[in-house]
Amino acid sequence: MRGGAMEARNRNLNDWLTAVRSGQAKLPRFQRFEAWSYSQVQSLLESVLNDLPIGAMFVLEVEGNPPFHPRPINSAPAGGKVSELLLDGQQRITALWKSLQGGYPEREFFVSFNEKTDYEGIAVHSIKVSVRGDRRYPLWLNDPVKLLERGLVPVTLLLPGEEANTKALEWIQAACGEQQADVVTYLMKIQEWRARSPRLISHFSRSLRAPAPPRFLKCSQESIRAPHPSLFSISSRPTLSRPSASPCMIYWRV
């Protein structure tokens, strides 16, 4: 491994999801497996929708053969040429990847129009799903009209990209029927929520042996040794006891 210079780059959520989908971003084999509870996933989504910080992530950028055997993010495609190994932040990226694509077979997440969090923010509901035969229960989960009557919108409609835009419009039209004014209102609201997707501050280096002064950065529920204090940009807003939207991304390049 050579070099130790770091540089900061921005990467939005759509670019991150694209990197996971293409196999560009993977996990080193030594990383633990998915461990977050559904309530933690719910809190992360609420943090993103309410513009709260969601902590820092560390990534090792690799060229050629990676120094650690890679494996894909849970439920992501296994193929593709890896160029980034996620050293810290797996649980957050996995939660965003799976929840926005409906990747939890026994759980679905919804944004609520009718309820607020305990700090008066946008609330997310986590609803248990059971499957019997070819049916999913509760049955109203499959009915856009009944979901909207409950003030619930699937978080899968917030997935970035043109395909998701089409699905969101189809869902809203099915939920609103002939009420075209409502279609426009709800579509604008979903676009507003989607615009809250965090931009990730990314830091790149060519070495795992970058200088590390005795200084720590508090990220979500973890303390991470900071390679250099000037390389971090973390919101000073209170996290309100939630996983910390706008993660700081730190990359090492080898």
C-alpha atoms as a PDB file:
ATOM      1  CA  MET A   1       0.000   0.000   0.000  1.00  0.00           C
ATOM      2  CA  ARG A   2       1.374   3.365  -0.970  1.00  0.00           C
ATOM      3  CA  GLY A   3       0.506   6.967  -0.440  1.00  0.00           C
ATOM      4  CA  GLY A   4      -1.562   8.549   2.277  1.00  0.00           C
ATOM      5  CA  ALA A   5      -3.180  11.627   0.728  1.00  0.00           C
ATOM      6  CA  MET A   6      -6.906  12.042   1.206  1.00  0.00           C
ATOM      7  CA  GLU A   7      -9.474  13.936  -0.798  1.00  0.00           C
ATOM      8  CA  ALA A   8     -13.119  14.692  -0.113  1.00  0.00           C
ATOM      9  CA  ARG A   9     -15.868  13.996  -2.643  1.00  0.00           C
ATOM     10  CA  ASN A  10     -19.646  14.175  -2.499  1.00  0.00           C
ATOM     11  CA  ARG A  11     -21.796  11.188  -3.383  1.00  0.00           C
ATOM     12  CA  ASN A  12     -25.559  11.293  -3.242  1.00  0.00           C
ATOM     13  CA  LEU A  13     -27.794   8.418  -2.211  1.00  0.00           C
ATOM     14  CA  ASN A  14     -28.659   7.477  -5.798  1.00  0.00           C
ATOM     15  CA  ASP A  15     -24.964   7.123  -6.653  1.00  0.00           C
ATOM     16  CA  TRP A  16     -24.432   4.966  -3.577  1.00  0.00           C
ATOM     17  CA  LEU A  17     -27.305   2.667  -4.477  1.00  0.00           C
ATOM     18  CA  THR A  18     -25.953   2.432  -8.025  1.00  0.00           C
ATOM     19  CA  ALA A  19     -22.528   1.444  -6.658  1.00  0.00           C
ATOM     20  CA  VAL A  20     -24.114  -1.305  -4.542  1.00  0.00           C
ATOM     21  CA  ARG A  21     -26.301  -2.527  -7.428  1.00  0.00           C
ATOM     22  CA  SER A  22     -23.381  -2.693  -9.873  1.00  0.00           C
ATOM     23  CA  GLY A  23     -21.106  -4.494  -7.420  1.00  0.00           C
ATOM     24  CA  GLN A  24     -18.673  -1.578  -7.311  1.00  0.00           C
ATOM     25  CA  ALA A  25     -19.212  -1.211  -3.553  1.00  0.00           C
ATOM     26  CA  LYS A  26     -18.992  -4.345  -1.424  1.00  0.00           C
ATOM     27  CA  LEU A  27     -18.006  -5.491   2.053  1.00  0.00           C
ATOM     28  CA  PRO A  28     -14.725  -7.079   3.129  1.00  0.00           C
ATOM     29  CA  ARG A  29     -15.271 -10.670   4.221  1.00  0.00           C
ATOM     30  CA  PHE A  30     -14.260  -9.948   7.824  1.00  0.00           C
ATOM     31  CA  GLN A  31     -17.220  -7.568   8.301  1.00  0.00           C
ATOM     32  CA  ARG A  32     -19.997  -8.830  10.545  1.00  0.00           C
ATOM     33  CA  PHE A  33     -23.318  -9.628   8.922  1.00  0.00           C
ATOM     34  CA  GLU A  34     -26.493  -7.556   8.978  1.00  0.00           C
ATOM     35  CA  ALA A  35     -27.460  -6.929  12.584  1.00  0.00           C
ATOM     36  CA  TRP A  36     -29.869  -4.001  12.763  1.00  0.00           C
ATOM     37  CA  SER A  37     -33.378  -4.398  14.135  1.00  0.00           C
ATOM     38  CA  TYR A  38     -36.425  -3.134  12.253  1.00  0.00           C
ATOM     39  CA  SER A  39     -36.769  -0.292  14.762  1.00  0.00           C
ATOM     40  CA  GLN A  40     -33.239   0.869  13.910  1.00  0.00           C
ATOM     41  CA  VAL A  41     -34.078   0.831  10.193  1.00  0.00           C
ATOM     42  CA  GLN A  42     -37.225   2.830  10.950  1.00  0.00           C
ATOM     43  CA  SER A  43     -35.236   5.398  12.957  1.00  0.00           C
ATOM     44  CA  LEU A  44     -32.664   5.739  10.168  1.00  0.00           C
ATOM     45  CA  LEU A  45     -35.403   6.478   7.624  1.00  0.00           C
ATOM     46  CA  GLU A  46     -36.915   9.054   9.971  1.00  0.00           C
ATOM     47  CA  SER A  47     -33.505  10.683  10.371  1.00  0.00           C
ATOM     48  CA  VAL A  48     -33.097  10.960   6.589  1.00  0.00           C
ATOM     49  CA  LEU A  49     -36.609  12.377   6.094  1.00  0.00           C
ATOM     50  CA  ASN A  50     -36.090  14.899   8.897  1.00  0.00           C
ATOM     51  CA  ASP A  51     -32.634  16.030   7.718  1.00  0.00           C
ATOM     52  CA  LEU A  52     -30.890  14.667  10.800  1.00  0.00           C
ATOM     53  CA  PRO A  53     -27.263  13.480  10.553  1.00  0.00           C
ATOM     54  CA  ILE A  54     -26.719   9.742  10.158  1.00  0.00           C
ATOM     55  CA  GLY A  55     -23.031   9.543  10.981  1.00  0.00           C
ATOM     56  CA  ALA A  56     -19.780   8.767   9.188  1.00  0.00           C
ATOM     57  CA  MET A  57     -18.809   5.861   6.954  1.00  0.00           C
ATOM     58  CA  PHE A  58     -15.354   4.550   6.116  1.00  0.00           C
ATOM     59  CA  VAL A  59     -14.506   3.084   2.720  1.00  0.00           C
ATOM     60  CA  LEU A  60     -11.317   1.557   1.344  1.00  0.00           C
ATOM     61  CA  GLU A  61     -10.878   2.253  -2.369  1.00  0.00           C
ATOM     62  CA  VAL A  62      -9.110  -0.601  -4.177  1.00  0.00           C
ATOM     63  CA  GLU A  63      -7.570  -1.172  -7.596  1.00  0.00           C
ATOM     64  CA  GLY A  64      -7.029  -4.595  -9.127  1.00  0.00           C
ATOM     65  CA  ASN A  65      -7.265  -7.455  -6.637  1.00  0.00           C
ATOM     66  CA  PRO A  66      -8.706  -6.201  -3.322  1.00  0.00           C
ATOM     67  CA  PRO A  67      -6.610  -6.903  -0.203  1.00  0.00           C
ATOM     68  CA  PHE A  68      -9.661  -8.480   1.480  1.00  0.00           C
ATOM     69  CA  HIS A  69     -12.041 -10.982  -0.097  1.00  0.00           C
ATOM     70  CA  PRO A  70     -15.260  -9.044  -0.907  1.00  0.00           C
ATOM     71  CA  ARG A  71     -18.899 -10.006  -0.485  1.00  0.00           C
ATOM     72  CA  PRO A  72     -22.005  -8.058  -1.597  1.00  0.00           C
ATOM     73  CA  ILE A  73     -24.284  -6.008   0.626  1.00  0.00           C
ATOM     74  CA  ASN A  74     -27.149  -8.194   1.869  1.00  0.00           C
ATOM     75  CA  SER A  75     -29.635  -8.827  -0.996  1.00  0.00           C
ATOM     76  CA  ALA A  76     -27.468  -6.926  -3.530  1.00  0.00           C
ATOM     77  CA  PRO A  77     -26.285  -8.597  -6.773  1.00  0.00           C
ATOM     78  CA  ALA A  78     -23.123 -10.670  -6.366  1.00  0.00           C
ATOM     79  CA  GLY A  79     -21.449  -9.759  -9.677  1.00  0.00           C
ATOM     80  CA  GLY A  80     -19.532  -6.710 -10.805  1.00  0.00           C
ATOM     81  CA  LYS A  81     -15.971  -5.484 -10.355  1.00  0.00           C
ATOM     82  CA  VAL A  82     -15.387  -4.217  -6.839  1.00  0.00           C
ATOM     83  CA  SER A  83     -13.535  -0.921  -6.404  1.00  0.00           C
ATOM     84  CA  GLU A  84     -14.683   0.060  -2.899  1.00  0.00           C
ATOM     85  CA  LEU A  85     -14.836  -1.885   0.355  1.00  0.00           C
ATOM     86  CA  LEU A  86     -17.153  -0.514   3.022  1.00  0.00           C
ATOM     87  CA  LEU A  87     -15.244  -0.709   6.308  1.00  0.00           C
ATOM     88  CA  ASP A  88     -17.777   1.088   8.489  1.00  0.00           C
ATOM     89  CA  GLY A  89     -21.399   1.997   7.745  1.00  0.00           C
ATOM     90  CA  GLN A  90     -22.578  -1.394   6.547  1.00  0.00           C
ATOM     91  CA  GLN A  91     -25.721  -1.376   8.683  1.00  0.00           C
ATOM     92  CA  ARG A  92     -26.825   2.048   7.409  1.00  0.00           C
ATOM     93  CA  ILE A  93     -26.154   1.356   3.726  1.00  0.00           C
ATOM     94  CA  THR A  94     -27.814  -2.079   4.019  1.00  0.00           C
ATOM     95  CA  ALA A  95     -30.868  -0.550   5.714  1.00  0.00           C
ATOM     96  CA  LEU A  96     -31.254   2.128   3.029  1.00  0.00           C
ATOM     97  CA  TRP A  97     -30.636  -0.357   0.203  1.00  0.00           C
ATOM     98  CA  LYS A  98     -33.168  -2.919   1.463  1.00  0.00           C
ATOM     99  CA  SER A  99     -35.913  -0.640   2.769  1.00  0.00           C
ATOM    100  CA  LEU A 100     -36.057   1.533  -0.362  1.00  0.00           C
ATOM    101  CA  GLN A 101     -36.311  -1.565  -2.566  1.00  0.00           C
ATOM    102  CA  GLY A 102     -38.729  -3.561  -0.435  1.00  0.00           C
ATOM    103  CA  GLY A 103     -36.009  -6.020   0.510  1.00  0.00           C
ATOM    104  CA  TYR A 104     -37.392  -7.093   3.909  1.00  0.00           C
ATOM    105  CA  PRO A 105     -39.764 -10.060   3.282  1.00  0.00           C
ATOM    106  CA  GLU A 106     -41.352  -9.847   6.741  1.00  0.00           C
ATOM    107  CA  ARG A 107     -41.506  -6.066   7.125  1.00  0.00           C
ATOM    108  CA  GLU A 108     -42.569  -3.011   5.137  1.00  0.00           C
ATOM    109  CA  PHE A 109     -41.884   0.637   5.907  1.00  0.00           C
ATOM    110  CA  PHE A 110     -44.252   3.533   5.260  1.00  0.00           C
ATOM    111  CA  VAL A 111     -44.100   7.307   5.582  1.00  0.00           C
ATOM    112  CA  SER A 112     -47.066   8.622   7.561  1.00  0.00           C
ATOM    113  CA  PHE A 113     -49.103  11.686   6.563  1.00  0.00           C
ATOM    114  CA  ASN A 114     -51.126  11.602   9.766  1.00  0.00           C
ATOM    115  CA  GLU A 115     -48.573  11.124  12.531  1.00  0.00           C
ATOM    116  CA  LYS A 116     -45.429  12.842  13.753  1.00  0.00           C
ATOM    117  CA  THR A 117     -42.403  11.643  15.674  1.00  0.00           C
ATOM    118  CA  ASP A 118     -41.976  12.573  19.326  1.00  0.00           C
ATOM    119  CA  TYR A 119     -39.972  15.604  18.124  1.00  0.00           C
ATOM    120  CA  GLU A 120     -42.742  16.656  15.646  1.00  0.00           C
ATOM    121  CA  GLY A 121     -40.890  15.304  12.616  1.00  0.00           C
ATOM    122  CA  ILE A 122     -41.974  13.101   9.706  1.00  0.00           C
ATOM    123  CA  ALA A 123     -42.829   9.641  11.038  1.00  0.00           C
ATOM    124  CA  VAL A 124     -42.101   6.239   9.488  1.00  0.00           C
ATOM    125  CA  HIS A 125     -44.150   3.141  10.284  1.00  0.00           C
ATOM    126  CA  SER A 126     -42.792  -0.398  10.340  1.00  0.00           C
ATOM    127  CA  ILE A 127     -45.498  -2.996   9.641  1.00  0.00           C
ATOM    128  CA  LYS A 128     -45.075  -6.748  10.031  1.00  0.00           C
ATOM    129  CA  VAL A 129     -45.907  -8.809   6.940  1.00  0.00           C
ATOM    130  CA  SER A 130     -46.962 -12.455   6.911  1.00  0.00           C
ATOM    131  CA  VAL A 131     -47.407 -14.622   3.827  1.00  0.00           C
ATOM    132  CA  ARG A 132     -49.926 -17.444   3.512  1.00  0.00           C
ATOM    133  CA  GLY A 133     -50.094 -19.102   0.142  1.00  0.00           C
ATOM    134  CA  ASP A 134     -49.888 -16.353  -2.443  1.00  0.00           C
ATOM    135  CA  ARG A 135     -51.328 -13.676  -0.142  1.00  0.00           C
ATOM    136  CA  ARG A 136     -49.615 -11.100   2.041  1.00  0.00           C
ATOM    137  CA  TYR A 137     -51.232 -10.045   5.287  1.00  0.00           C
ATOM    138  CA  PRO A 138     -52.597  -7.660   6.367  1.00  0.00           C
ATOM    139  CA  LEU A 139     -54.431  -7.555   3.039  1.00  0.00           C
ATOM    140  CA  TRP A 140     -54.688  -3.759   2.998  1.00  0.00           C
ATOM    141  CA  LEU A 141     -50.903  -3.585   2.472  1.00  0.00           C
ATOM    142  CA  ASN A 142     -51.551  -4.518  -1.163  1.00  0.00           C
ATOM    143  CA  ASP A 143     -54.231  -1.859  -1.730  1.00  0.00           C
ATOM    144  CA  PRO A 144     -53.031   1.722  -2.479  1.00  0.00           C
ATOM    145  CA  VAL A 145     -56.509   3.115  -1.698  1.00  0.00           C
ATOM    146  CA  LYS A 146     -56.617   1.558   1.775  1.00  0.00           C
ATOM    147  CA  LEU A 147     -53.021   2.566   2.482  1.00  0.00           C
ATOM    148  CA  LEU A 148     -53.699   6.186   1.600  1.00  0.00           C
ATOM    149  CA  GLU A 149     -56.872   6.124   3.726  1.00  0.00           C
ATOM    150  CA  ARG A 150     -54.539   5.302   6.615  1.00  0.00           C
ATOM    151  CA  GLY A 151     -52.197   8.100   5.586  1.00  0.00           C
ATOM    152  CA  LEU A 152     -49.409   5.677   4.627  1.00  0.00           C
ATOM    153  CA  VAL A 153     -47.082   5.845   1.623  1.00  0.00           C
ATOM    154  CA  PRO A 154     -44.520   3.046   0.952  1.00  0.00           C
ATOM    155  CA  VAL A 155     -40.918   4.203   1.376  1.00  0.00           C
ATOM    156  CA  THR A 156     -40.146   2.250  -1.810  1.00  0.00           C
ATOM    157  CA  LEU A 157     -41.694   5.193  -3.685  1.00  0.00           C
ATOM    158  CA  LEU A 158     -38.822   7.357  -2.420  1.00  0.00           C
ATOM    159  CA  LEU A 159     -36.199   5.316  -4.281  1.00  0.00           C
ATOM    160  CA  PRO A 160     -34.208   7.702  -6.521  1.00  0.00           C
ATOM    161  CA  GLY A 161     -34.327   7.317 -10.307  1.00  0.00           C
ATOM    162  CA  GLU A 162     -36.724   7.542 -13.248  1.00  0.00           C
ATOM    163  CA  GLU A 163     -38.117   4.021 -12.796  1.00  0.00           C
ATOM    164  CA  ALA A 164     -39.131   4.907  -9.250  1.00  0.00           C
ATOM    165  CA  ASN A 165     -40.759   8.128 -10.522  1.00  0.00           C
ATOM    166  CA  THR A 166     -42.978   6.055 -12.816  1.00  0.00           C
ATOM    167  CA  LYS A 167     -43.896   3.630 -10.023  1.00  0.00           C
ATOM    168  CA  ALA A 168     -44.704   6.505  -7.671  1.00  0.00           C
ATOM    169  CA  LEU A 169     -47.039   8.101 -10.226  1.00  0.00           C
ATOM    170  CA  GLU A 170     -48.768   4.756 -10.908  1.00  0.00           C
ATOM    171  CA  TRP A 171     -49.244   4.140  -7.174  1.00  0.00           C
ATOM    172  CA  ILE A 172     -50.653   7.611  -6.525  1.00  0.00           C
ATOM    173  CA  GLN A 173     -53.038   7.360  -9.493  1.00  0.00           C
ATOM    174  CA  ALA A 174     -54.276   3.992  -8.212  1.00  0.00           C
ATOM    175  CA  ALA A 175     -54.709   5.427  -4.704  1.00  0.00           C
ATOM    176  CA  CYS A 176     -56.444   8.670  -5.744  1.00  0.00           C
ATOM    177  CA  GLY A 177     -58.588   7.423  -8.619  1.00  0.00           C
ATOM    178  CA  GLU A 178     -60.320  10.293 -10.415  1.00  0.00           C
ATOM    179  CA  GLN A 179     -59.162  12.932  -7.930  1.00  0.00           C
ATOM    180  CA  GLN A 180     -56.515  14.476 -10.174  1.00  0.00           C
ATOM    181  CA  ALA A 181     -55.873  17.353  -7.779  1.00  0.00           C
ATOM    182  CA  ASP A 182     -54.946  14.811  -5.116  1.00  0.00           C
ATOM    183  CA  VAL A 183     -52.604  13.062  -7.563  1.00  0.00           C
ATOM    184  CA  VAL A 184     -50.648  16.280  -8.031  1.00  0.00           C
ATOM    185  CA  THR A 185     -50.615  17.029  -4.291  1.00  0.00           C
ATOM    186  CA  TYR A 186     -49.313  13.616  -3.270  1.00  0.00           C
ATOM    187  CA  LEU A 187     -46.818  13.429  -6.110  1.00  0.00           C
ATOM    188  CA  MET A 188     -45.348  16.782  -5.061  1.00  0.00           C
ATOM    189  CA  LYS A 189     -45.132  15.561  -1.472  1.00  0.00           C
ATOM    190  CA  ILE A 190     -43.283  12.405  -2.495  1.00  0.00           C
ATOM    191  CA  GLN A 191     -40.900  14.488  -4.608  1.00  0.00           C
ATOM    192  CA  GLU A 192     -40.271  16.690  -1.568  1.00  0.00           C
ATOM    193  CA  TRP A 193     -39.468  13.659   0.577  1.00  0.00           C
ATOM    194  CA  ARG A 194     -37.237  12.192  -2.114  1.00  0.00           C
ATOM    195  CA  ALA A 195     -35.282  15.458  -2.282  1.00  0.00           C
ATOM    196  CA  ARG A 196     -34.271  14.909   1.346  1.00  0.00           C
ATOM    197  CA  SER A 197     -32.011  12.011   0.325  1.00  0.00           C
ATOM    198  CA  PRO A 198     -28.645  12.707   1.974  1.00  0.00           C
ATOM    199  CA  ARG A 199     -25.506  13.765   0.151  1.00  0.00           C
ATOM    200  CA  LEU A 200     -22.592  11.760   1.461  1.00  0.00           C
ATOM    201  CA  ILE A 201     -19.288  13.494   2.122  1.00  0.00           C
ATOM    202  CA  SER A 202     -16.627  11.085   0.844  1.00  0.00           C
ATOM    203  CA  HIS A 203     -12.964  11.016   1.807  1.00  0.00           C
ATOM    204  CA  PHE A 204     -10.400   9.036  -0.195  1.00  0.00           C
ATOM    205  CA  SER A 205      -6.878   7.934   0.727  1.00  0.00           C
ATOM    206  CA  ARG A 206      -4.361   5.533  -0.755  1.00  0.00           C
ATOM    207  CA  SER A 207      -3.301   3.935   2.500  1.00  0.00           C
ATOM    208  CA  LEU A 208      -4.747   2.166   5.501  1.00  0.00           C
ATOM    209  CA  ARG A 209      -1.762   3.475   7.435  1.00  0.00           C
ATOM    210  CA  ALA A 210      -2.766   7.128   7.288  1.00  0.00           C
ATOM    211  CA  PRO A 211      -1.631   9.158  10.340  1.00  0.00           C
ATOM    212  CA  ALA A 212      -4.116   8.931  13.162  1.00  0.00           C
ATOM    213  CA  PRO A 213      -3.734  11.500  15.951  1.00  0.00           C
ATOM    214  CA  PRO A 214      -5.417  10.685  19.290  1.00  0.00           C
ATOM    215  CA  ARG A 215      -8.726  12.236  18.342  1.00  0.00           C
ATOM    216  CA  PHE A 216     -12.125  10.590  17.964  1.00  0.00           C
ATOM    217  CA  LEU A 217     -15.190  11.365  15.931  1.00  0.00           C
ATOM    218  CA  LYS A 218     -18.566  10.334  17.294  1.00  0.00           C
ATOM    219  CA  CYS A 219     -20.572   8.639  14.534  1.00  0.00           C
ATOM    220  CA  SER A 220     -24.040   7.355  15.343  1.00  0.00           C
ATOM    221  CA  GLN A 221     -23.464   4.917  18.212  1.00  0.00           C
ATOM    222  CA  GLU A 222     -19.795   4.282  17.478  1.00  0.00           C
ATOM    223  CA  SER A 223     -16.552   6.151  18.185  1.00  0.00           C
ATOM    224  CA  ILE A 224     -14.180   6.108  15.218  1.00  0.00           C
ATOM    225  CA  ARG A 225     -10.574   7.259  15.278  1.00  0.00           C
ATOM    226  CA  ALA A 226     -10.280  10.213  12.889  1.00  0.00           C
ATOM    227  CA  PRO A 227      -7.270  10.124  10.505  1.00  0.00           C
ATOM    228  CA  HIS A 228      -7.267  13.933  10.459  1.00  0.00           C
ATOM    229  CA  PRO A 229      -9.715  16.378  12.059  1.00  0.00           C
ATOM    230  CA  SER A 230      -9.941  18.673   9.015  1.00  0.00           C
ATOM    231  CA  LEU A 231     -11.230  15.835   6.816  1.00  0.00           C
ATOM    232  CA  PHE A 232     -14.590  15.610   8.521  1.00  0.00           C
ATOM    233  CA  SER A 233     -17.760  17.609   8.025  1.00  0.00           C
ATOM    234  CA  ILE A 234     -20.428  16.627  10.516  1.00  0.00           C
ATOM    235  CA  SER A 235     -23.635  18.499  11.223  1.00  0.00           C
ATOM    236  CA  SER A 236     -23.751  20.025  14.681  1.00  0.00           C
ATOM    237  CA  ARG A 237     -27.518  19.564  14.918  1.00  0.00           C
ATOM    238  CA  PRO A 238     -28.760  17.281  17.710  1.00  0.00           C
ATOM    239  CA  THR A 239     -29.412  13.663  16.709  1.00  0.00           C
ATOM    240  CA  LEU A 240     -32.385  13.381  19.077  1.00  0.00           C
ATOM    241  CA  SER A 241     -31.288   9.874  20.081  1.00  0.00           C
ATOM    242  CA  ARG A 242     -31.554   8.595  16.504  1.00  0.00           C
ATOM    243  CA  PRO A 243     -28.958   6.979  14.264  1.00  0.00           C
ATOM    244  CA  SER A 244     -27.243   9.750  12.796  1.00  0.00           C
ATOM    245  CA  ALA A 245     -28.759  11.998   7.388  1.00  0.00           C
ATOM    246  CA  SER A 246     -25.719  13.321   5.585  1.00  0.00           C
ATOM    247  CA  PRO A 247     -23.124  10.738   6.553  1.00  0.00           C
ATOM    248  CA  CYS A 248     -19.494  11.615   6.329  1.00  0.00           C
ATOM    249  CA  MET A 249     -17.797   9.131   3.996  1.00  0.00           C
ATOM    250  CA  ILE A 250     -14.130   8.332   4.493  1.00  0.00           C
ATOM    251  CA  TYR A 251     -12.257   6.432   1.803  1.00  0.00           C
ATOM    252  CA  TRP A 252      -8.827   4.788   1.867  1.00  0.00           C
ATOM    253  CA  ARG A 253      -7.299   3.934  -1.491  1.00  0.00           C
ATOM    254  CA  VAL A 254      -4.830   1.046  -1.958  1.00  0.00           C
END
